């Protein structure tokens, strides 16, 4: 029986995005990485910032991975960053309603949160938190790639 879901609908384009960020000092040189799994295959990306924070690297990993997708997708973002997961799942709408501010004042990394909000308008995104450094294969690989991005440039 043929599927009733069109091939180009978000429901038929489900992917899992694993992300991680690392910083040597906080602030300091930082690296980010992502692994995207879909249809039995995977692709990945990583990058470096000379002076940054760990939280920025966590967000930049998600921005970069989500930006690699062409067209709308249903995305499960898997991260060891409670900042990223709680931000996307719980806090982002409130910050946006308050003019990109927290209840306590200024919102850090507002440029990246705005990019994630734009990406949410394209993709259906759900985040799942996993414990870092707990032998989760994709998280371990993302961590290795993020640290390598720092080591290659410092």
C-alpha atoms as a PDB file:
ATOM      1  CA  UNK A   1       0.000   0.000   0.000  1.00  0.00           C
ATOM      2  CA  UNK A   2       1.514   3.417  -0.919  1.00  0.00           C
ATOM      3  CA  UNK A   3       2.228   5.944   1.816  1.00  0.00           C
ATOM      4  CA  UNK A   4      -0.219   8.810   2.195  1.00  0.00           C
ATOM      5  CA  UNK A   5       2.627  11.170   3.152  1.00  0.00           C
ATOM      6  CA  UNK A   6       4.009  13.103   0.171  1.00  0.00           C
ATOM      7  CA  UNK A   7       7.714  12.521  -0.452  1.00  0.00           C
ATOM      8  CA  UNK A   8       8.613  16.159   0.152  1.00  0.00           C
ATOM      9  CA  UNK A   9       6.618  16.652   3.366  1.00  0.00           C
ATOM     10  CA  UNK A  10       8.435  17.121   6.683  1.00  0.00           C
ATOM     11  CA  UNK A  11       6.947  13.847   7.939  1.00  0.00           C
ATOM     12  CA  UNK A  12       8.730  11.929   5.171  1.00  0.00           C
ATOM     13  CA  UNK A  13      12.013  13.807   5.717  1.00  0.00           C
ATOM     14  CA  UNK A  14      12.902  12.808   9.268  1.00  0.00           C
ATOM     15  CA  UNK A  15      16.481  13.261  10.400  1.00  0.00           C
ATOM     16  CA  UNK A  16      18.477  13.106  13.610  1.00  0.00           C
ATOM     17  CA  UNK A  17      21.045  15.804  14.308  1.00  0.00           C
ATOM     18  CA  UNK A  18      23.704  15.179  16.956  1.00  0.00           C
ATOM     19  CA  UNK A  19      25.610  18.266  18.118  1.00  0.00           C
ATOM     20  CA  UNK A  20      28.381  19.255  20.482  1.00  0.00           C
ATOM     21  CA  UNK A  21      30.536  22.238  21.298  1.00  0.00           C
ATOM     22  CA  UNK A  22      33.856  22.519  23.097  1.00  0.00           C
ATOM     23  CA  UNK A  23      35.953  25.345  24.468  1.00  0.00           C
ATOM     24  CA  UNK A  24      39.569  25.433  25.658  1.00  0.00           C
ATOM     25  CA  UNK A  25      39.001  27.862  28.499  1.00  0.00           C
ATOM     26  CA  UNK A  26      35.642  29.557  28.788  1.00  0.00           C
ATOM     27  CA  UNK A  27      36.028  31.964  27.057  1.00  0.00           C
ATOM     28  CA  UNK A  28      38.786  30.739  24.808  1.00  0.00           C
ATOM     29  CA  UNK A  29      39.308  28.948  21.500  1.00  0.00           C
ATOM     30  CA  UNK A  30      36.253  26.873  20.647  1.00  0.00           C
ATOM     31  CA  UNK A  31      35.085  24.156  18.312  1.00  0.00           C
ATOM     32  CA  UNK A  32      31.713  22.819  17.263  1.00  0.00           C
ATOM     33  CA  UNK A  33      30.555  19.709  15.424  1.00  0.00           C
ATOM     34  CA  UNK A  34      27.451  17.955  14.176  1.00  0.00           C
ATOM     35  CA  UNK A  35      26.465  14.618  12.709  1.00  0.00           C
ATOM     36  CA  UNK A  36      23.286  14.343  10.662  1.00  0.00           C
ATOM     37  CA  UNK A  37      21.743  10.902  10.182  1.00  0.00           C
ATOM     38  CA  UNK A  38      19.046  10.186   7.613  1.00  0.00           C
ATOM     39  CA  UNK A  39      17.947   7.318   5.416  1.00  0.00           C
ATOM     40  CA  UNK A  40      20.687   5.044   6.722  1.00  0.00           C
ATOM     41  CA  UNK A  41      23.459   7.519   5.866  1.00  0.00           C
ATOM     42  CA  UNK A  42      25.210  10.336   7.646  1.00  0.00           C
ATOM     43  CA  UNK A  43      27.084  13.557   7.030  1.00  0.00           C
ATOM     44  CA  UNK A  44      28.954  15.825   9.401  1.00  0.00           C
ATOM     45  CA  UNK A  45      30.502  19.233   9.843  1.00  0.00           C
ATOM     46  CA  UNK A  46      32.712  21.080  12.282  1.00  0.00           C
ATOM     47  CA  UNK A  47      34.291  24.464  12.773  1.00  0.00           C
ATOM     48  CA  UNK A  48      36.412  26.728  14.933  1.00  0.00           C
ATOM     49  CA  UNK A  49      36.153  30.141  16.599  1.00  0.00           C
ATOM     50  CA  UNK A  50      39.298  31.784  18.015  1.00  0.00           C
ATOM     51  CA  UNK A  51      37.637  33.446  21.035  1.00  0.00           C
ATOM     52  CA  UNK A  52      34.263  32.205  22.227  1.00  0.00           C
ATOM     53  CA  UNK A  53      32.343  30.350  24.936  1.00  0.00           C
ATOM     54  CA  UNK A  54      31.173  26.780  25.286  1.00  0.00           C
ATOM     55  CA  UNK A  55      27.512  27.832  25.062  1.00  0.00           C
ATOM     56  CA  UNK A  56      28.102  29.661  21.766  1.00  0.00           C
ATOM     57  CA  UNK A  57      29.770  26.550  20.360  1.00  0.00           C
ATOM     58  CA  UNK A  58      26.813  24.377  21.412  1.00  0.00           C
ATOM     59  CA  UNK A  59      24.419  26.761  19.633  1.00  0.00           C
ATOM     60  CA  UNK A  60      26.617  27.165  16.557  1.00  0.00           C
ATOM     61  CA  UNK A  61      26.778  23.381  16.128  1.00  0.00           C
ATOM     62  CA  UNK A  62      22.965  23.261  15.992  1.00  0.00           C
ATOM     63  CA  UNK A  63      22.719  26.290  13.675  1.00  0.00           C
ATOM     64  CA  UNK A  64      25.263  24.820  11.279  1.00  0.00           C
ATOM     65  CA  UNK A  65      23.713  21.348  11.231  1.00  0.00           C
ATOM     66  CA  UNK A  66      20.170  22.652  10.752  1.00  0.00           C
ATOM     67  CA  UNK A  67      21.380  25.073   8.060  1.00  0.00           C
ATOM     68  CA  UNK A  68      22.796  22.154   6.081  1.00  0.00           C
ATOM     69  CA  UNK A  69      19.273  20.848   5.428  1.00  0.00           C
ATOM     70  CA  UNK A  70      17.572  21.799   2.184  1.00  0.00           C
ATOM     71  CA  UNK A  71      13.825  22.195   2.530  1.00  0.00           C
ATOM     72  CA  UNK A  72      11.698  21.452   5.585  1.00  0.00           C
ATOM     73  CA  UNK A  73      12.484  18.448   7.742  1.00  0.00           C
ATOM     74  CA  UNK A  74      11.341  16.916  10.984  1.00  0.00           C
ATOM     75  CA  UNK A  75      14.504  17.080  13.096  1.00  0.00           C
ATOM     76  CA  UNK A  76      15.360  15.466  16.386  1.00  0.00           C
ATOM     77  CA  UNK A  77      18.306  17.411  17.796  1.00  0.00           C
ATOM     78  CA  UNK A  78      20.281  15.314  20.282  1.00  0.00           C
ATOM     79  CA  UNK A  79      22.649  17.244  22.521  1.00  0.00           C
ATOM     80  CA  UNK A  80      24.392  17.096  25.878  1.00  0.00           C
ATOM     81  CA  UNK A  81      23.799  20.852  26.280  1.00  0.00           C
ATOM     82  CA  UNK A  82      20.923  21.609  28.625  1.00  0.00           C
ATOM     83  CA  UNK A  83      21.278  25.247  27.510  1.00  0.00           C
ATOM     84  CA  UNK A  84      20.517  24.329  23.880  1.00  0.00           C
ATOM     85  CA  UNK A  85      17.838  21.747  24.663  1.00  0.00           C
ATOM     86  CA  UNK A  86      15.961  23.859  27.229  1.00  0.00           C
ATOM     87  CA  UNK A  87      16.358  26.954  25.070  1.00  0.00           C
ATOM     88  CA  UNK A  88      14.767  25.352  22.025  1.00  0.00           C
ATOM     89  CA  UNK A  89      12.167  23.247  23.855  1.00  0.00           C
ATOM     90  CA  UNK A  90      11.110  25.704  26.580  1.00  0.00           C
ATOM     91  CA  UNK A  91      12.608  29.209  26.672  1.00  0.00           C
ATOM     92  CA  UNK A  92      12.829  30.542  23.109  1.00  0.00           C
ATOM     93  CA  UNK A  93       9.197  31.593  22.699  1.00  0.00           C
ATOM     94  CA  UNK A  94       9.285  33.557  25.972  1.00  0.00           C
ATOM     95  CA  UNK A  95      12.509  35.337  25.021  1.00  0.00           C
ATOM     96  CA  UNK A  96      11.026  36.255  21.678  1.00  0.00           C
ATOM     97  CA  UNK A  97       7.821  37.625  23.282  1.00  0.00           C
ATOM     98  CA  UNK A  98       9.935  39.765  25.641  1.00  0.00           C
ATOM     99  CA  UNK A  99      11.876  41.311  22.743  1.00  0.00           C
ATOM    100  CA  UNK A 100      14.758  38.819  22.932  1.00  0.00           C
ATOM    101  CA  UNK A 101      15.321  39.378  26.637  1.00  0.00           C
ATOM    102  CA  UNK A 102      15.268  37.056  29.622  1.00  0.00           C
ATOM    103  CA  UNK A 103      13.144  37.826  32.675  1.00  0.00           C
ATOM    104  CA  UNK A 104      16.424  38.679  34.425  1.00  0.00           C
ATOM    105  CA  UNK A 105      17.698  40.985  31.664  1.00  0.00           C
ATOM    106  CA  UNK A 106      19.960  40.632  28.639  1.00  0.00           C
ATOM    107  CA  UNK A 107      19.907  37.451  26.605  1.00  0.00           C
ATOM    108  CA  UNK A 108      23.357  36.153  25.737  1.00  0.00           C
ATOM    109  CA  UNK A 109      23.999  34.753  22.256  1.00  0.00           C
ATOM    110  CA  UNK A 110      20.891  36.478  20.915  1.00  0.00           C
ATOM    111  CA  UNK A 111      22.288  36.363  17.350  1.00  0.00           C
ATOM    112  CA  UNK A 112      22.414  32.555  17.427  1.00  0.00           C
ATOM    113  CA  UNK A 113      19.043  32.215  19.174  1.00  0.00           C
ATOM    114  CA  UNK A 114      17.498  34.348  16.419  1.00  0.00           C
ATOM    115  CA  UNK A 115      19.038  32.074  13.786  1.00  0.00           C
ATOM    116  CA  UNK A 116      17.651  29.021  15.586  1.00  0.00           C
ATOM    117  CA  UNK A 117      14.235  30.694  15.686  1.00  0.00           C
ATOM    118  CA  UNK A 118      14.411  31.261  11.913  1.00  0.00           C
ATOM    119  CA  UNK A 119      15.359  27.616  11.414  1.00  0.00           C
ATOM    120  CA  UNK A 120      12.353  26.602  13.551  1.00  0.00           C
ATOM    121  CA  UNK A 121      10.142  28.370  11.014  1.00  0.00           C
ATOM    122  CA  UNK A 122      11.474  25.995   8.338  1.00  0.00           C
ATOM    123  CA  UNK A 123      11.872  22.745  10.258  1.00  0.00           C
ATOM    124  CA  UNK A 124       9.879  20.928  12.913  1.00  0.00           C
ATOM    125  CA  UNK A 125      12.459  20.644  15.692  1.00  0.00           C
ATOM    126  CA  UNK A 126      12.425  18.649  18.897  1.00  0.00           C
ATOM    127  CA  UNK A 127      15.462  18.467  21.165  1.00  0.00           C
ATOM    128  CA  UNK A 128      16.473  15.554  23.348  1.00  0.00           C
ATOM    129  CA  UNK A 129      19.088  15.849  26.076  1.00  0.00           C
ATOM    130  CA  UNK A 130      21.634  13.097  26.642  1.00  0.00           C
ATOM    131  CA  UNK A 131      24.325  12.927  29.295  1.00  0.00           C
ATOM    132  CA  UNK A 132      27.668  14.040  27.880  1.00  0.00           C
ATOM    133  CA  UNK A 133      30.698  11.772  27.907  1.00  0.00           C
ATOM    134  CA  UNK A 134      28.473   8.779  28.646  1.00  0.00           C
ATOM    135  CA  UNK A 135      29.635   6.605  25.757  1.00  0.00           C
ATOM    136  CA  UNK A 136      26.907   7.686  23.357  1.00  0.00           C
ATOM    137  CA  UNK A 137      28.635   6.993  19.995  1.00  0.00           C
ATOM    138  CA  UNK A 138      27.476  10.066  18.056  1.00  0.00           C
ATOM    139  CA  UNK A 139      27.957  12.408  21.027  1.00  0.00           C
ATOM    140  CA  UNK A 140      31.434  11.007  21.562  1.00  0.00           C
ATOM    141  CA  UNK A 141      32.264  11.534  17.889  1.00  0.00           C
ATOM    142  CA  UNK A 142      30.885  15.088  17.888  1.00  0.00           C
ATOM    143  CA  UNK A 143      32.979  15.861  20.966  1.00  0.00           C
ATOM    144  CA  UNK A 144      36.068  14.417  19.284  1.00  0.00           C
ATOM    145  CA  UNK A 145      35.440  16.483  16.147  1.00  0.00           C
ATOM    146  CA  UNK A 146      34.861  19.716  18.140  1.00  0.00           C
ATOM    147  CA  UNK A 147      38.046  19.221  20.178  1.00  0.00           C
ATOM    148  CA  UNK A 148      39.981  18.371  16.996  1.00  0.00           C
ATOM    149  CA  UNK A 149      38.765  21.625  15.399  1.00  0.00           C
ATOM    150  CA  UNK A 150      40.371  23.498  18.320  1.00  0.00           C
ATOM    151  CA  UNK A 151      43.596  21.461  18.297  1.00  0.00           C
ATOM    152  CA  UNK A 152      44.077  21.897  14.551  1.00  0.00           C
ATOM    153  CA  UNK A 153      44.075  25.689  14.891  1.00  0.00           C
ATOM    154  CA  UNK A 154      45.765  26.370  18.224  1.00  0.00           C
END
